[in-house]
């Protein structure tokens, strides 16, 4: 008959085998269950055993045994120490060591006693799940041996107080106190500079910032002012039709909403903007001439339209309404 320990050893050597039948139940687990399945034992040791309060003790916990690989001992799952240790020790993790050949897992902790009433390291319990046992006894416990401790109070250190000079104990006279203070009178120009320089620097900073990083309003104003120069340059080059260039100029310079406008719409818009009547009529005439070239003649190449468009732009820029 095959013993339970031989069966568990075979399971550990076959990691690809299904281990669902060895999974511990999801309910009814002890609170200090360390998520270990198989048959295991525990040994503990500590050094030193005579310390002062807050001095470190190295606690070594050695767990040995066999079981499924998925449920081998791991530090993150261990629940070895009782809740009462919160009042007695500061606990820090140190290091781990695993010897799979010997089936041994070693976990090291650093314990620091909190008070002199700590007399031993006790209560270490390993709770694991043994599927080879009957259903009532499958959660098994192994206890680490108690380790006696001698915890002493922290020795007080002698504080050396250096003697002070005799002058420290002598009360100073009012004259000595007044003579220790020195006053500095700044000249008037330095006072004026200290008061006037910060506002001046702030003003210059704002001017420089606005000059090199203009806002949307300033960019729009600059684009309006440069609209006439761009339009005159486009008319001189002759790449685009004169009516397109002048209509785009009106749109950029005066927010004329219609690009393909009739002569009457142009004249009415200029009149609403406050331009002089001769300028409005010049706009109507220019776009009438453009329409005659676009719709009545066979060729749309008329060099006179470029000059007429330039004259219209110059007349609009010379009107006071363009500078308001």
Protein backbone atom coordinates (compact mmCIF):
# COMPACT_ATOMS: atom_id res chain seq x y z
CA UNK A 1 0.00 0.00 0.00
CA UNK A 2 1.36 3.38 -0.99
CA UNK A 3 1.74 5.76 1.95
CA UNK A 4 0.43 9.35 1.93
CA UNK A 5 3.95 10.87 1.97
CA UNK A 6 4.97 8.87 -1.11
CA UNK A 7 1.85 10.04 -2.93
CA UNK A 8 2.54 13.69 -2.12
CA UNK A 9 6.17 13.35 -3.20
CA UNK A 10 5.02 12.02 -6.55
CA UNK A 11 2.69 14.97 -6.95
CA UNK A 12 5.53 17.43 -6.26
CA UNK A 13 7.69 15.78 -8.94
CA UNK A 14 4.95 16.06 -11.58
CA UNK A 15 4.18 19.80 -11.86
CA UNK A 16 2.07 19.32 -15.01
CA UNK A 17 -0.38 17.02 -13.20
CA UNK A 18 -3.79 18.45 -12.31
CA UNK A 19 -3.78 19.50 -8.63
CA UNK A 20 -7.40 20.59 -8.33
CA UNK A 21 -8.20 17.59 -6.17
CA UNK A 22 -5.58 18.79 -3.65
CA UNK A 23 -6.79 22.42 -3.49
CA UNK A 24 -7.76 23.48 0.05
CA UNK A 25 -11.44 24.40 0.47
CA UNK A 26 -12.33 28.06 0.00
CA UNK A 27 -14.42 28.07 3.18
CA UNK A 28 -13.62 26.97 6.71
CA UNK A 29 -9.94 27.89 6.49
CA UNK A 30 -8.16 28.87 9.73
CA UNK A 31 -7.23 32.54 9.95
CA UNK A 32 -3.53 31.69 10.17
CA UNK A 33 -3.53 29.24 7.24
CA UNK A 34 -0.26 29.72 5.29
CA UNK A 35 -1.62 28.43 1.93
CA UNK A 36 0.59 25.33 2.06
CA UNK A 37 -0.60 21.89 0.92
CA UNK A 38 1.20 18.65 1.73
CA UNK A 39 3.07 17.35 4.76
CA UNK A 40 5.46 19.83 6.41
CA UNK A 41 7.34 20.48 9.63
CA UNK A 42 8.87 23.60 11.16
CA UNK A 43 12.03 24.46 13.10
CA UNK A 44 12.95 27.83 14.58
CA UNK A 45 16.12 29.36 15.98
CA UNK A 46 17.16 32.83 17.11
CA UNK A 47 20.37 34.68 17.83
CA UNK A 48 21.29 36.46 20.04
CA UNK A 49 19.01 35.66 22.93
CA UNK A 50 20.33 38.38 25.28
CA UNK A 51 19.62 41.86 23.93
CA UNK A 52 18.63 45.35 24.98
CA UNK A 53 15.32 46.91 24.04
CA UNK A 54 15.19 47.77 20.30
CA UNK A 55 18.23 45.62 19.52
CA UNK A 56 17.81 43.18 16.63
CA UNK A 57 17.32 39.43 16.99
CA UNK A 58 17.74 37.28 13.87
CA UNK A 59 14.91 34.73 13.80
CA UNK A 60 15.31 31.80 11.38
CA UNK A 61 12.27 29.72 10.42
CA UNK A 62 12.98 26.47 8.53
CA UNK A 63 10.05 24.70 6.85
CA UNK A 64 10.61 21.27 5.32
CA UNK A 65 8.32 18.78 3.62
CA UNK A 66 6.65 17.84 0.34
CA UNK A 67 3.52 18.87 -1.52
CA UNK A 68 2.20 20.26 -4.81
CA UNK A 69 4.42 22.92 -6.35
CA UNK A 70 1.56 25.44 -6.53
CA UNK A 71 1.22 25.32 -2.74
CA UNK A 72 4.85 25.28 -1.60
CA UNK A 73 5.88 27.70 1.20
CA UNK A 74 6.15 31.37 0.13
CA UNK A 75 6.86 34.35 2.37
CA UNK A 76 3.91 36.40 1.11
CA UNK A 77 1.46 33.69 2.24
CA UNK A 78 2.98 32.77 5.59
CA UNK A 79 0.91 33.43 8.74
CA UNK A 80 3.35 32.22 11.39
CA UNK A 81 3.25 34.77 14.19
CA UNK A 82 0.45 35.33 16.73
CA UNK A 83 -1.36 38.66 16.97
CA UNK A 84 0.11 39.27 20.44
CA UNK A 85 3.51 39.91 18.84
CA UNK A 86 2.25 43.37 17.80
CA UNK A 87 2.70 44.42 21.45
CA UNK A 88 6.07 42.74 21.92
CA UNK A 89 8.16 42.98 18.71
CA UNK A 90 8.99 45.10 15.71
CA UNK A 91 9.14 42.62 12.80
CA UNK A 92 11.06 43.12 9.53
CA UNK A 93 11.61 40.65 6.70
CA UNK A 94 15.24 39.78 6.01
CA UNK A 95 15.95 37.09 3.38
CA UNK A 96 14.83 33.74 1.97
CA UNK A 97 16.71 30.57 1.03
CA UNK A 98 15.29 27.54 -0.80
CA UNK A 99 16.89 24.10 -1.11
CA UNK A 100 14.59 22.13 -3.44
CA UNK A 101 16.81 19.08 -3.33
CA UNK A 102 16.43 18.85 0.44
CA UNK A 103 12.83 20.17 0.24
CA UNK A 104 13.67 22.94 2.72
CA UNK A 105 12.60 26.61 2.78
CA UNK A 106 14.39 28.99 5.13
CA UNK A 107 12.91 32.41 6.05
CA UNK A 108 14.80 34.98 8.13
CA UNK A 109 13.24 37.81 10.16
CA UNK A 110 14.64 40.64 12.27
CA UNK A 111 12.86 41.03 15.59
CA UNK A 112 13.30 43.97 17.95
CA UNK A 113 11.80 43.65 21.46
CA UNK A 114 9.67 46.63 22.47
CA UNK A 115 10.06 46.25 26.25
CA UNK A 116 11.86 44.30 28.95
CA UNK A 117 8.80 42.15 29.74
CA UNK A 118 9.42 40.00 26.66
CA UNK A 119 10.68 36.67 28.06
CA UNK A 120 10.57 34.35 25.05
CA UNK A 121 9.86 33.89 21.37
CA UNK A 122 6.82 31.64 21.41
CA UNK A 123 3.56 31.00 19.58
CA UNK A 124 5.04 30.36 16.10
CA UNK A 125 2.54 28.10 14.33
CA UNK A 126 2.55 26.64 10.81
CA UNK A 127 -0.95 25.73 9.57
CA UNK A 128 -1.07 23.70 6.34
CA UNK A 129 -3.55 21.51 4.47
CA UNK A 130 -2.90 17.75 4.30
CA UNK A 131 -5.29 16.06 1.80
CA UNK A 132 -4.15 12.59 2.95
CA UNK A 133 -5.89 13.04 6.30
CA UNK A 134 -9.58 12.55 6.94
CA UNK A 135 -11.80 15.50 6.13
CA UNK A 136 -11.96 16.80 9.71
CA UNK A 137 -8.21 16.79 10.31
CA UNK A 138 -6.87 18.01 6.98
CA UNK A 139 -5.83 21.40 8.39
CA UNK A 140 -2.73 20.48 10.41
CA UNK A 141 -0.61 22.61 12.77
CA UNK A 142 3.07 22.43 13.66
CA UNK A 143 4.53 24.64 16.39
CA UNK A 144 8.03 26.04 16.68
CA UNK A 145 9.83 25.46 19.96
CA UNK A 146 9.80 28.36 22.42
CA UNK A 147 13.09 30.28 22.62
CA UNK A 148 13.88 31.96 25.97
CA UNK A 149 14.98 35.61 25.79
CA UNK A 150 16.67 38.02 28.13
CA UNK A 151 15.70 41.61 27.28
CA UNK A 152 17.47 44.37 29.19
CA UNK A 153 16.74 48.07 29.38
CA UNK A 154 18.69 50.32 27.06
CA UNK A 155 21.70 51.67 28.99
CA UNK A 156 21.68 55.39 29.57
CA UNK A 157 24.50 57.33 28.02
CA UNK A 158 26.34 59.93 30.05
CA UNK A 159 25.78 63.42 28.72
CA UNK A 160 28.87 65.60 28.91
CA UNK A 161 28.06 69.28 29.41
CA UNK A 162 30.87 71.62 28.48
CA UNK A 163 31.27 74.51 30.92
CA UNK A 164 30.37 77.93 29.55
CA UNK A 165 32.52 81.01 29.73
CA UNK A 166 32.07 83.25 32.72
CA UNK A 167 30.86 86.06 30.45
CA UNK A 168 27.76 83.98 29.64
CA UNK A 169 26.48 84.42 33.18
CA UNK A 170 27.19 88.18 33.34
CA UNK A 171 24.33 90.53 32.49
CA UNK A 172 25.22 93.04 29.75
CA UNK A 173 24.73 96.73 30.35
CA UNK A 174 22.45 98.85 28.09
CA UNK A 175 25.48 100.57 26.63
CA UNK A 176 27.05 97.26 25.58
CA UNK A 177 23.81 96.13 23.99
CA UNK A 178 23.42 99.40 22.04
CA UNK A 179 27.02 99.32 20.86
CA UNK A 180 26.53 95.80 19.46
CA UNK A 181 23.91 97.04 16.98
CA UNK A 182 25.10 98.75 13.82
CA UNK A 183 22.89 100.92 11.61
CA UNK A 184 23.26 101.73 7.92
CA UNK A 185 21.79 104.80 6.31
CA UNK A 186 21.30 104.39 2.58
CA UNK A 187 21.81 107.43 0.32
CA UNK A 188 18.66 108.97 -1.23
CA UNK A 189 19.51 107.72 -4.74
CA UNK A 190 19.73 104.13 -3.49
CA UNK A 191 16.32 104.43 -1.81
CA UNK A 192 14.75 105.85 -5.00
CA UNK A 193 16.38 103.10 -7.05
CA UNK A 194 15.04 100.39 -4.71
CA UNK A 195 11.51 101.83 -4.96
CA UNK A 196 11.43 102.65 -8.67
CA UNK A 197 13.46 99.83 -10.21
CA UNK A 198 11.04 96.89 -9.58
CA UNK A 199 8.02 98.60 -11.27
CA UNK A 200 10.22 99.66 -14.18
CA UNK A 201 11.54 96.14 -14.67
CA UNK A 202 7.98 94.75 -14.53
CA UNK A 203 6.84 97.26 -17.17
CA UNK A 204 9.76 96.42 -19.46
CA UNK A 205 9.08 92.71 -18.97
CA UNK A 206 5.43 93.15 -20.01
CA UNK A 207 6.42 95.19 -23.07
CA UNK A 208 9.00 92.62 -24.17
CA UNK A 209 6.58 89.76 -23.57
CA UNK A 210 3.80 91.44 -25.57
CA UNK A 211 6.27 92.24 -28.33
CA UNK A 212 7.52 88.68 -28.85
CA UNK A 213 4.39 86.76 -27.79
CA UNK A 214 1.42 88.74 -29.18
CA UNK A 215 -2.10 87.63 -28.37
CA UNK A 216 -4.95 86.84 -30.74
CA UNK A 217 -6.10 90.48 -30.86
CA UNK A 218 -2.63 91.76 -31.70
CA UNK A 219 -2.10 89.08 -34.35
CA UNK A 220 -5.42 89.99 -35.94
CA UNK A 221 -4.48 93.71 -35.95
CA UNK A 222 -1.13 92.96 -37.58
CA UNK A 223 -2.77 90.77 -40.20
CA UNK A 224 -5.26 93.56 -41.00
CA UNK A 225 -2.44 96.09 -41.39
CA UNK A 226 -0.50 93.76 -43.66
CA UNK A 227 -3.54 92.88 -45.82
CA UNK A 228 -2.99 95.83 -48.20
CA UNK A 229 0.71 94.97 -48.70
CA UNK A 230 -0.10 91.36 -49.48
CA UNK A 231 -2.88 92.30 -51.90
CA UNK A 232 -0.71 94.81 -53.79
CA UNK A 233 2.06 92.22 -54.07
CA UNK A 234 -0.38 89.61 -55.40
CA UNK A 235 -1.76 92.07 -57.98
CA UNK A 236 1.76 92.90 -59.10
CA UNK A 237 2.65 89.21 -59.54
CA UNK A 238 -0.60 88.46 -61.35
CA UNK A 239 -0.91 84.83 -60.25
CA UNK A 240 -4.54 85.20 -59.12
CA UNK A 241 -7.40 87.11 -60.78
CA UNK A 242 -7.68 90.73 -59.68
CA UNK A 243 -11.26 90.32 -58.35
CA UNK A 244 -10.19 87.40 -56.14
CA UNK A 245 -7.27 89.37 -54.68
CA UNK A 246 -9.37 92.49 -53.98
CA UNK A 247 -12.24 90.45 -52.47
CA UNK A 248 -9.78 88.64 -50.17
CA UNK A 249 -8.29 92.02 -49.20
CA UNK A 250 -11.75 93.32 -48.23
CA UNK A 251 -12.35 90.16 -46.21
CA UNK A 252 -9.05 90.34 -44.29
CA UNK A 253 -8.98 94.13 -43.87
CA UNK A 254 -12.61 94.96 -43.17
CA UNK A 255 -14.25 91.57 -42.45
CA UNK A 256 -16.20 91.61 -45.72
CA UNK A 257 -18.26 88.42 -45.38
CA UNK A 258 -18.77 87.60 -49.08
CA UNK A 259 -15.91 86.41 -51.29
CA UNK A 260 -17.83 86.10 -54.58
CA UNK A 261 -19.78 89.39 -54.21
CA UNK A 262 -21.72 91.45 -56.72
CA UNK A 263 -20.73 95.09 -57.43
CA UNK A 264 -23.82 96.30 -55.59
CA UNK A 265 -22.94 94.27 -52.48
CA UNK A 266 -19.43 95.71 -52.46
CA UNK A 267 -20.66 99.30 -52.80
CA UNK A 268 -23.28 98.80 -50.07
CA UNK A 269 -20.71 97.26 -47.70
CA UNK A 270 -18.23 100.13 -48.21
CA UNK A 271 -21.02 102.65 -47.64
CA UNK A 272 -21.96 100.98 -44.35
CA UNK A 273 -18.33 101.09 -43.27
CA UNK A 274 -18.41 104.88 -43.70
CA UNK A 275 -16.23 105.27 -46.78
CA UNK A 276 -16.67 108.34 -48.99
CA UNK A 277 -19.14 108.06 -51.85
CA UNK A 278 -16.45 108.29 -54.61
CA UNK A 279 -14.60 105.36 -52.99
CA UNK A 280 -17.81 103.31 -52.87
CA UNK A 281 -18.50 104.05 -56.53
CA UNK A 282 -14.88 103.11 -57.37
CA UNK A 283 -15.45 99.75 -55.72
CA UNK A 284 -18.69 99.22 -57.67
CA UNK A 285 -16.99 100.17 -60.96
CA UNK A 286 -14.01 97.88 -60.35
CA UNK A 287 -16.14 94.82 -59.71
CA UNK A 288 -18.41 95.67 -62.68
CA UNK A 289 -15.33 95.72 -64.91
CA UNK A 290 -14.24 92.42 -63.40
CA UNK A 291 -17.67 90.87 -64.13
CA UNK A 292 -17.51 92.04 -67.73
CA UNK A 293 -14.15 90.32 -68.08
CA UNK A 294 -15.29 87.16 -66.34
CA UNK A 295 -18.68 86.64 -68.03
CA UNK A 296 -18.79 88.66 -71.28
CA UNK A 297 -15.38 88.33 -72.85
CA UNK A 298 -13.70 85.24 -74.16
CA UNK A 299 -10.38 85.97 -72.41
CA UNK A 300 -10.07 86.86 -68.75
CA UNK A 301 -6.52 88.22 -69.09
CA UNK A 302 -6.83 91.99 -68.71
CA UNK A 303 -3.74 93.74 -67.30
CA UNK A 304 -5.80 96.84 -66.65
CA UNK A 305 -7.74 95.11 -63.90
CA UNK A 306 -4.59 94.67 -61.80
CA UNK A 307 -3.81 98.37 -61.94
CA UNK A 308 -7.45 99.25 -61.22
CA UNK A 309 -7.46 96.91 -58.24
CA UNK A 310 -4.26 98.49 -56.88
CA UNK A 311 -5.78 101.97 -57.26
CA UNK A 312 -8.91 100.84 -55.38
CA UNK A 313 -6.85 99.41 -52.51
CA UNK A 314 -4.77 102.59 -52.24
CA UNK A 315 -7.94 104.70 -52.23
CA UNK A 316 -9.45 102.57 -49.45
CA UNK A 317 -6.26 102.81 -47.34
CA UNK A 318 -6.13 106.59 -47.82
CA UNK A 319 -9.69 107.03 -46.53
CA UNK A 320 -9.97 107.90 -42.79
CA UNK A 321 -12.29 104.93 -42.25
CA UNK A 322 -9.41 102.55 -42.93
CA UNK A 323 -7.37 104.11 -40.11
CA UNK A 324 -10.14 104.07 -37.50
